[in-house]
Amino acid sequence: MAAIQRTTKQQILDAVQDLHNTEQMVTREALREFTGLSLTIIDDRLATLVDDGALIRKSRGVFVPAILHPPARPISKTVMPDGLVKIEIGDEVLTLTPREDRTLAGVQAGAALQYLGIDTEQTVIQALADLRLKVRELERSSKSKAPSPTPEDDEA
């Protein structure tokens, strides 16, 4: 059975979707790492996908898919005195037995871990950005405080 060949345009679109769905920033460098394609090909396909309306250029060098999920609805969970569980999602209400609630929790465990990973990654990225900013400030500060060479230094 022959493998299905995807065009580079489709590879880029799929990669943008995958990165975006895991809440990672979609840049040309991230796409190069994800797909292994050259930056020249990536730049060309990104421009085409933006022109086609499949991608949105969120800011310089950052892209998101044009098709987005609808806004998240409010979600609540209530455990009733008799052990039944009411899960409300927007206007919809599910009534679950305790066993169904445990089963649903098991099914959702993967999503919970993914949420934790996304949140941790965003925290680390923000801390790294703050640290880089502090390093640049310290480098600038040390350069401005460095003594300028004197003629005596040249004689030594």
N, C-alpha and C. Protein backbone atom coordinates (compact mmCIF):
# COMPACT_ATOMS: atom_id res chain seq x y z
N MET A 1 0.85 -1.18 0.00
CA MET A 1 0.00 0.00 0.00
C MET A 1 0.89 1.25 0.00
N ALA A 2 0.71 2.10 -0.97
CA ALA A 2 1.55 3.30 -1.12
C ALA A 2 1.17 4.36 -0.09
N ALA A 3 2.17 5.06 0.40
CA ALA A 3 1.92 6.14 1.35
C ALA A 3 1.28 7.31 0.61
N ILE A 4 0.40 8.00 1.29
CA ILE A 4 -0.26 9.17 0.69
C ILE A 4 0.71 10.33 0.72
N GLN A 5 0.97 10.92 -0.44
CA GLN A 5 1.88 12.06 -0.54
C GLN A 5 1.11 13.35 -0.28
N ARG A 6 1.60 14.12 0.67
CA ARG A 6 0.98 15.42 0.95
C ARG A 6 1.85 16.50 0.33
N THR A 7 1.21 17.53 -0.20
CA THR A 7 1.96 18.65 -0.74
C THR A 7 2.64 19.40 0.40
N THR A 8 3.66 20.18 0.09
CA THR A 8 4.32 20.96 1.14
C THR A 8 3.35 21.99 1.72
N LYS A 9 2.45 22.48 0.89
CA LYS A 9 1.43 23.42 1.38
C LYS A 9 0.56 22.75 2.44
N GLN A 10 0.17 21.50 2.19
CA GLN A 10 -0.66 20.77 3.16
C GLN A 10 0.15 20.43 4.40
N GLN A 11 1.43 20.10 4.22
CA GLN A 11 2.29 19.81 5.36
C GLN A 11 2.39 21.02 6.28
N ILE A 12 2.55 22.20 5.68
CA ILE A 12 2.65 23.43 6.47
C ILE A 12 1.33 23.70 7.18
N LEU A 13 0.21 23.58 6.47
CA LEU A 13 -1.10 23.83 7.09
C LEU A 13 -1.35 22.85 8.24
N ASP A 14 -1.03 21.58 8.04
CA ASP A 14 -1.20 20.58 9.10
C ASP A 14 -0.31 20.91 10.30
N ALA A 15 0.92 21.33 10.04
CA ALA A 15 1.85 21.67 11.12
C ALA A 15 1.35 22.88 11.90
N VAL A 16 0.83 23.88 11.18
CA VAL A 16 0.28 25.07 11.85
C VAL A 16 -0.87 24.65 12.76
N GLN A 17 -1.76 23.80 12.25
CA GLN A 17 -2.89 23.32 13.05
C GLN A 17 -2.39 22.58 14.29
N ASP A 18 -1.44 21.67 14.11
CA ASP A 18 -0.93 20.87 15.23
C ASP A 18 -0.27 21.76 16.29
N LEU A 19 0.57 22.68 15.86
CA LEU A 19 1.24 23.58 16.81
C LEU A 19 0.22 24.47 17.52
N HIS A 20 -0.71 25.01 16.76
CA HIS A 20 -1.72 25.88 17.34
C HIS A 20 -2.61 25.13 18.33
N ASN A 21 -2.99 23.89 17.99
CA ASN A 21 -3.86 23.10 18.87
C ASN A 21 -3.18 22.75 20.19
N THR A 22 -1.86 22.75 20.21
CA THR A 22 -1.13 22.52 21.46
C THR A 22 -0.67 23.84 22.07
N GLU A 23 -1.24 24.93 21.57
CA GLU A 23 -1.01 26.29 22.07
C GLU A 23 0.46 26.70 22.02
N GLN A 24 1.16 26.24 20.99
CA GLN A 24 2.53 26.68 20.76
C GLN A 24 2.52 27.82 19.75
N MET A 25 3.49 28.70 19.87
CA MET A 25 3.59 29.81 18.94
C MET A 25 4.02 29.27 17.58
N VAL A 26 3.31 29.66 16.54
CA VAL A 26 3.60 29.18 15.19
C VAL A 26 4.44 30.23 14.47
N THR A 27 5.73 29.93 14.34
CA THR A 27 6.66 30.80 13.62
C THR A 27 7.30 29.98 12.51
N ARG A 28 7.97 30.64 11.60
CA ARG A 28 8.62 29.92 10.51
C ARG A 28 9.70 28.99 11.05
N GLU A 29 10.39 29.40 12.12
CA GLU A 29 11.42 28.55 12.71
C GLU A 29 10.80 27.31 13.35
N ALA A 30 9.66 27.50 14.04
CA ALA A 30 8.96 26.35 14.64
C ALA A 30 8.49 25.39 13.54
N LEU A 31 8.03 25.94 12.42
CA LEU A 31 7.59 25.11 11.31
C LEU A 31 8.76 24.36 10.68
N ARG A 32 9.92 25.01 10.59
CA ARG A 32 11.10 24.33 10.05
C ARG A 32 11.48 23.15 10.93
N GLU A 33 11.45 23.36 12.24
CA GLU A 33 11.79 22.29 13.17
C GLU A 33 10.75 21.16 13.11
N PHE A 34 9.48 21.54 12.97
CA PHE A 34 8.39 20.57 12.97
C PHE A 34 8.34 19.76 11.68
N THR A 35 8.59 20.42 10.54
CA THR A 35 8.44 19.75 9.24
C THR A 35 9.74 19.32 8.60
N GLY A 36 10.84 19.99 8.93
CA GLY A 36 12.11 19.70 8.27
C GLY A 36 12.25 20.37 6.92
N LEU A 37 11.27 21.19 6.53
CA LEU A 37 11.33 21.89 5.24
C LEU A 37 12.23 23.13 5.36
N SER A 38 12.72 23.60 4.23
CA SER A 38 13.59 24.78 4.23
C SER A 38 12.75 26.04 4.49
N LEU A 39 13.42 27.08 5.01
CA LEU A 39 12.73 28.34 5.29
C LEU A 39 12.17 28.97 4.01
N THR A 40 12.86 28.80 2.89
CA THR A 40 12.39 29.35 1.61
C THR A 40 11.03 28.74 1.25
N ILE A 41 10.92 27.43 1.35
CA ILE A 41 9.66 26.76 1.04
C ILE A 41 8.58 27.17 2.05
N ILE A 42 8.95 27.21 3.33
CA ILE A 42 8.00 27.59 4.38
C ILE A 42 7.47 29.00 4.13
N ASP A 43 8.36 29.95 3.85
CA ASP A 43 7.94 31.33 3.61
C ASP A 43 6.98 31.42 2.43
N ASP A 44 7.30 30.71 1.35
CA ASP A 44 6.45 30.73 0.16
C ASP A 44 5.07 30.15 0.47
N ARG A 45 5.03 29.00 1.16
CA ARG A 45 3.74 28.36 1.46
C ARG A 45 2.93 29.16 2.47
N LEU A 46 3.61 29.77 3.43
CA LEU A 46 2.89 30.62 4.39
C LEU A 46 2.21 31.79 3.68
N ALA A 47 2.94 32.43 2.77
CA ALA A 47 2.37 33.56 2.01
C ALA A 47 1.15 33.10 1.22
N THR A 48 1.26 31.93 0.59
CA THR A 48 0.14 31.40 -0.19
C THR A 48 -1.04 31.09 0.71
N LEU A 49 -0.79 30.47 1.85
CA LEU A 49 -1.88 30.11 2.78
C LEU A 49 -2.55 31.36 3.36
N VAL A 50 -1.78 32.42 3.60
CA VAL A 50 -2.37 33.68 4.07
C VAL A 50 -3.23 34.28 2.95
N ASP A 51 -2.71 34.29 1.73
CA ASP A 51 -3.47 34.81 0.59
C ASP A 51 -4.75 34.01 0.34
N ASP A 52 -4.69 32.69 0.56
CA ASP A 52 -5.86 31.82 0.38
C ASP A 52 -6.88 31.96 1.50
N GLY A 53 -6.49 32.63 2.60
CA GLY A 53 -7.40 32.78 3.73
C GLY A 53 -7.37 31.61 4.70
N ALA A 54 -6.43 30.67 4.51
CA ALA A 54 -6.35 29.51 5.40
C ALA A 54 -5.61 29.83 6.70
N LEU A 55 -4.73 30.85 6.65
CA LEU A 55 -3.98 31.28 7.83
C LEU A 55 -4.17 32.77 8.05
N ILE A 56 -3.99 33.17 9.28
CA ILE A 56 -4.01 34.58 9.65
C ILE A 56 -2.65 34.93 10.22
N ARG A 57 -2.09 36.03 9.74
CA ARG A 57 -0.81 36.52 10.27
C ARG A 57 -1.17 37.34 11.50
N LYS A 58 -0.94 36.76 12.68
CA LYS A 58 -1.34 37.39 13.93
C LYS A 58 -0.46 38.59 14.26
N SER A 59 0.83 38.43 14.04
CA SER A 59 1.79 39.52 14.17
C SER A 59 2.96 39.15 13.28
N ARG A 60 3.95 39.99 13.22
CA ARG A 60 5.06 39.70 12.31
C ARG A 60 5.69 38.35 12.67
N GLY A 61 5.63 37.41 11.73
CA GLY A 61 6.25 36.11 11.92
C GLY A 61 5.46 35.11 12.74
N VAL A 62 4.24 35.47 13.15
CA VAL A 62 3.41 34.57 13.96
C VAL A 62 2.10 34.33 13.23
N PHE A 63 1.73 33.05 13.10
CA PHE A 63 0.56 32.66 12.33
C PHE A 63 -0.39 31.82 13.16
N VAL A 64 -1.69 31.90 12.82
CA VAL A 64 -2.71 31.04 13.42
C VAL A 64 -3.63 30.54 12.32
N PRO A 65 -4.25 29.39 12.52
CA PRO A 65 -5.21 28.91 11.52
C PRO A 65 -6.40 29.86 11.45
N ALA A 66 -6.99 30.02 10.28
CA ALA A 66 -8.13 30.91 10.13
C ALA A 66 -9.40 30.30 10.72
N ILE A 67 -9.50 28.98 10.71
CA ILE A 67 -10.68 28.32 11.25
C ILE A 67 -10.45 28.07 12.73
N LEU A 68 -11.24 28.73 13.56
CA LEU A 68 -11.07 28.60 15.00
C LEU A 68 -12.31 27.97 15.62
N HIS A 69 -12.12 27.34 16.74
CA HIS A 69 -13.26 26.79 17.47
C HIS A 69 -14.13 27.93 17.98
N PRO A 70 -15.41 27.67 18.20
CA PRO A 70 -16.25 28.72 18.80
C PRO A 70 -15.74 29.01 20.22
N PRO A 71 -16.13 30.15 20.77
CA PRO A 71 -15.67 30.48 22.13
C PRO A 71 -16.09 29.40 23.13
N ALA A 72 -15.25 29.18 24.13
CA ALA A 72 -15.56 28.19 25.16
C ALA A 72 -16.80 28.61 25.93
N ARG A 73 -17.62 27.61 26.24
CA ARG A 73 -18.83 27.86 27.02
C ARG A 73 -18.51 27.67 28.50
N PRO A 74 -19.32 28.27 29.38
CA PRO A 74 -19.11 28.05 30.81
C PRO A 74 -19.34 26.57 31.14
N ILE A 75 -18.53 26.04 32.05
CA ILE A 75 -18.65 24.64 32.45
C ILE A 75 -18.68 24.58 33.97
N SER A 76 -19.60 23.78 34.50
CA SER A 76 -19.64 23.56 35.95
C SER A 76 -19.97 22.10 36.24
N LYS A 77 -19.55 21.66 37.42
CA LYS A 77 -19.82 20.29 37.87
C LYS A 77 -20.35 20.37 39.29
N THR A 78 -21.47 19.71 39.53
CA THR A 78 -22.09 19.70 40.85
C THR A 78 -22.32 18.26 41.27
N VAL A 79 -21.86 17.92 42.46
CA VAL A 79 -22.13 16.59 43.02
C VAL A 79 -23.36 16.73 43.91
N MET A 80 -24.40 15.97 43.56
CA MET A 80 -25.67 16.04 44.28
C MET A 80 -25.57 15.20 45.57
N PRO A 81 -26.44 15.48 46.56
CA PRO A 81 -26.39 14.72 47.83
C PRO A 81 -26.54 13.20 47.65
N ASP A 82 -27.27 12.78 46.61
CA ASP A 82 -27.46 11.34 46.40
C ASP A 82 -26.32 10.69 45.61
N GLY A 83 -25.28 11.48 45.25
CA GLY A 83 -24.13 10.94 44.54
C GLY A 83 -24.16 11.18 43.04
N LEU A 84 -25.33 11.54 42.49
CA LEU A 84 -25.38 11.88 41.07
C LEU A 84 -24.54 13.12 40.81
N VAL A 85 -24.07 13.25 39.59
CA VAL A 85 -23.24 14.38 39.21
C VAL A 85 -23.91 15.11 38.06
N LYS A 86 -24.01 16.41 38.18
CA LYS A 86 -24.55 17.26 37.12
C LYS A 86 -23.39 18.03 36.50
N ILE A 87 -23.22 17.85 35.21
CA ILE A 87 -22.20 18.61 34.48
C ILE A 87 -22.95 19.52 33.52
N GLU A 88 -22.71 20.81 33.66
CA GLU A 88 -23.36 21.80 32.80
C GLU A 88 -22.30 22.39 31.88
N ILE A 89 -22.62 22.33 30.58
CA ILE A 89 -21.76 22.94 29.56
C ILE A 89 -22.67 23.86 28.75
N GLY A 90 -22.50 25.16 28.98
CA GLY A 90 -23.41 26.11 28.34
C GLY A 90 -24.83 25.81 28.81
N ASP A 91 -25.73 25.58 27.85
CA ASP A 91 -27.13 25.29 28.18
C ASP A 91 -27.40 23.80 28.32
N GLU A 92 -26.41 22.97 28.07
CA GLU A 92 -26.60 21.52 28.13
C GLU A 92 -26.25 20.99 29.51
N VAL A 93 -27.05 20.02 29.98
CA VAL A 93 -26.82 19.43 31.29
C VAL A 93 -26.73 17.91 31.15
N LEU A 94 -25.67 17.34 31.69
CA LEU A 94 -25.51 15.88 31.75
C LEU A 94 -25.74 15.45 33.19
N THR A 95 -26.47 14.38 33.37
CA THR A 95 -26.64 13.80 34.69
C THR A 95 -25.92 12.45 34.66
N LEU A 96 -24.92 12.30 35.51
CA LEU A 96 -24.10 11.10 35.52
C LEU A 96 -24.22 10.37 36.84
N THR A 97 -24.13 9.03 36.77
CA THR A 97 -24.03 8.23 37.99
C THR A 97 -22.60 8.37 38.50
N PRO A 98 -22.35 8.00 39.75
CA PRO A 98 -20.96 8.08 40.24
C PRO A 98 -19.99 7.28 39.36
N ARG A 99 -20.41 6.12 38.88
CA ARG A 99 -19.54 5.30 38.04
C ARG A 99 -19.26 6.01 36.71
N GLU A 100 -20.29 6.61 36.11
CA GLU A 100 -20.10 7.36 34.85
C GLU A 100 -19.16 8.54 35.06
N ASP A 101 -19.28 9.20 36.22
CA ASP A 101 -18.41 10.33 36.53
C ASP A 101 -16.95 9.88 36.61
N ARG A 102 -16.69 8.73 37.27
CA ARG A 102 -15.33 8.21 37.37
C ARG A 102 -14.80 7.83 35.98
N THR A 103 -15.66 7.22 35.16
CA THR A 103 -15.25 6.84 33.81
C THR A 103 -14.89 8.08 32.99
N LEU A 104 -15.73 9.09 33.07
CA LEU A 104 -15.46 10.34 32.35
C LEU A 104 -14.15 10.97 32.85
N ALA A 105 -13.91 10.91 34.15
CA ALA A 105 -12.66 11.47 34.69
C ALA A 105 -11.46 10.73 34.12
N GLY A 106 -11.57 9.42 33.99
CA GLY A 106 -10.48 8.65 33.41
C GLY A 106 -10.24 9.01 31.96
N VAL A 107 -11.31 9.20 31.22
CA VAL A 107 -11.19 9.58 29.81
C VAL A 107 -10.57 10.97 29.68
N GLN A 108 -10.88 11.86 30.60
CA GLN A 108 -10.39 13.24 30.54
C GLN A 108 -8.98 13.40 31.12
N ALA A 109 -8.44 12.35 31.72
CA ALA A 109 -7.12 12.46 32.35
C ALA A 109 -6.06 12.92 31.36
N GLY A 110 -6.10 12.42 30.13
CA GLY A 110 -5.12 12.83 29.12
C GLY A 110 -5.23 14.31 28.81
N ALA A 111 -6.46 14.82 28.72
CA ALA A 111 -6.66 16.25 28.46
C ALA A 111 -6.15 17.08 29.64
N ALA A 112 -6.33 16.56 30.85
CA ALA A 112 -5.85 17.27 32.04
C ALA A 112 -4.32 17.36 32.03
N LEU A 113 -3.66 16.27 31.65
CA LEU A 113 -2.20 16.29 31.56
C LEU A 113 -1.72 17.23 30.47
N GLN A 114 -2.43 17.25 29.35
CA GLN A 114 -2.08 18.14 28.26
C GLN A 114 -2.23 19.60 28.70
N TYR A 115 -3.31 19.91 29.42
CA TYR A 115 -3.52 21.26 29.94
C TYR A 115 -2.37 21.66 30.87
N LEU A 116 -1.97 20.74 31.75
CA LEU A 116 -0.89 21.01 32.67
C LEU A 116 0.41 21.27 31.92
N GLY A 117 0.68 20.48 30.87
CA GLY A 117 1.89 20.68 30.07
C GLY A 117 1.88 22.02 29.36
N ILE A 118 0.75 22.40 28.79
CA ILE A 118 0.63 23.69 28.10
C ILE A 118 0.86 24.84 29.07
N ASP A 119 0.22 24.75 30.23
CA ASP A 119 0.36 25.81 31.23
C ASP A 119 1.80 25.92 31.71
N THR A 120 2.45 24.79 31.95
CA THR A 120 3.84 24.79 32.39
C THR A 120 4.74 25.38 31.32
N GLU A 121 4.53 24.99 30.07
CA GLU A 121 5.36 25.50 28.97
C GLU A 121 5.22 27.02 28.86
N GLN A 122 4.00 27.53 28.97
CA GLN A 122 3.80 28.97 28.87
C GLN A 122 4.47 29.71 30.02
N THR A 123 4.43 29.12 31.21
CA THR A 123 5.09 29.73 32.37
C THR A 123 6.60 29.76 32.18
N VAL A 124 7.17 28.67 31.68
CA VAL A 124 8.61 28.60 31.44
C VAL A 124 9.03 29.59 30.36
N ILE A 125 8.25 29.68 29.29
CA ILE A 125 8.57 30.62 28.20
C ILE A 125 8.56 32.05 28.72
N GLN A 126 7.57 32.40 29.54
CA GLN A 126 7.49 33.75 30.08
C GLN A 126 8.67 34.02 31.01
N ALA A 127 9.02 33.05 31.86
CA ALA A 127 10.16 33.22 32.77
C ALA A 127 11.45 33.39 31.98
N LEU A 128 11.62 32.61 30.92
CA LEU A 128 12.81 32.71 30.08
C LEU A 128 12.89 34.09 29.40
N ALA A 129 11.76 34.57 28.91
CA ALA A 129 11.73 35.90 28.28
C ALA A 129 12.10 36.99 29.29
N ASP A 130 11.56 36.87 30.50
CA ASP A 130 11.89 37.84 31.56
C ASP A 130 13.37 37.79 31.90
N LEU A 131 13.92 36.57 31.97
CA LEU A 131 15.33 36.40 32.29
C LEU A 131 16.21 37.00 31.20
N ARG A 132 15.87 36.77 29.94
CA ARG A 132 16.64 37.35 28.83
C ARG A 132 16.63 38.87 28.89
N LEU A 133 15.47 39.43 29.21
CA LEU A 133 15.35 40.88 29.33
C LEU A 133 16.27 41.40 30.44
N LYS A 134 16.29 40.74 31.58
CA LYS A 134 17.15 41.14 32.70
C LYS A 134 18.63 41.04 32.31
N VAL A 135 19.00 39.98 31.59
CA VAL A 135 20.40 39.81 31.16
C VAL A 135 20.79 40.96 30.23
N ARG A 136 19.91 41.30 29.28
CA ARG A 136 20.21 42.43 28.38
C ARG A 136 20.38 43.73 29.15
N GLU A 137 19.50 43.95 30.15
CA GLU A 137 19.60 45.16 30.96
C GLU A 137 20.92 45.19 31.72
N LEU A 138 21.33 44.05 32.28
CA LEU A 138 22.59 43.99 33.00
C LEU A 138 23.78 44.21 32.07
N GLU A 139 23.72 43.64 30.87
CA GLU A 139 24.80 43.84 29.90
C GLU A 139 24.91 45.30 29.52
N ARG A 140 23.78 45.96 29.27
CA ARG A 140 23.80 47.39 28.93
C ARG A 140 24.35 48.21 30.10
N SER A 141 23.91 47.85 31.30
CA SER A 141 24.33 48.58 32.49
C SER A 141 25.83 48.43 32.71
N SER A 142 26.36 47.22 32.53
CA SER A 142 27.79 47.01 32.74
C SER A 142 28.61 47.70 31.67
N LYS A 143 28.12 47.79 30.45
CA LYS A 143 28.85 48.49 29.39
C LYS A 143 28.90 49.99 29.66
N SER A 144 27.81 50.53 30.18
CA SER A 144 27.78 51.98 30.43
C SER A 144 28.62 52.34 31.65
N LYS A 145 28.82 51.41 32.58
CA LYS A 145 29.62 51.67 33.78
C LYS A 145 31.09 51.32 33.61
N ALA A 146 31.43 50.65 32.53
CA ALA A 146 32.83 50.25 32.30
C ALA A 146 33.69 51.50 32.16
N PRO A 147 34.86 51.52 32.85
CA PRO A 147 35.71 52.71 32.75
C PRO A 147 36.31 52.81 31.35
N SER A 148 36.39 54.03 30.88
CA SER A 148 36.97 54.22 29.56
C SER A 148 38.49 54.15 29.70
N PRO A 149 39.17 53.65 28.66
CA PRO A 149 40.63 53.52 28.73
C PRO A 149 41.30 54.88 28.88
N THR A 150 42.35 54.92 29.68
CA THR A 150 43.11 56.17 29.87
C THR A 150 44.46 56.01 29.21
N PRO A 151 45.17 57.11 28.98
CA PRO A 151 46.51 57.01 28.37
C PRO A 151 47.45 56.15 29.20
N GLU A 152 47.25 56.16 30.54
CA GLU A 152 48.11 55.36 31.41
C GLU A 152 47.92 53.87 31.12
N ASP A 153 46.66 53.46 30.76
CA ASP A 153 46.40 52.06 30.45
C ASP A 153 47.17 51.65 29.21
N ASP A 154 47.32 52.57 28.27
CA ASP A 154 48.02 52.24 27.03
C ASP A 154 49.51 52.03 27.28
N GLU A 155 50.07 52.73 28.28
CA GLU A 155 51.49 52.63 28.58
C GLU A 155 51.82 51.32 29.29
N ALA A 156 50.86 50.76 29.97
CA ALA A 156 51.13 49.56 30.77
C ALA A 156 51.33 48.34 29.98
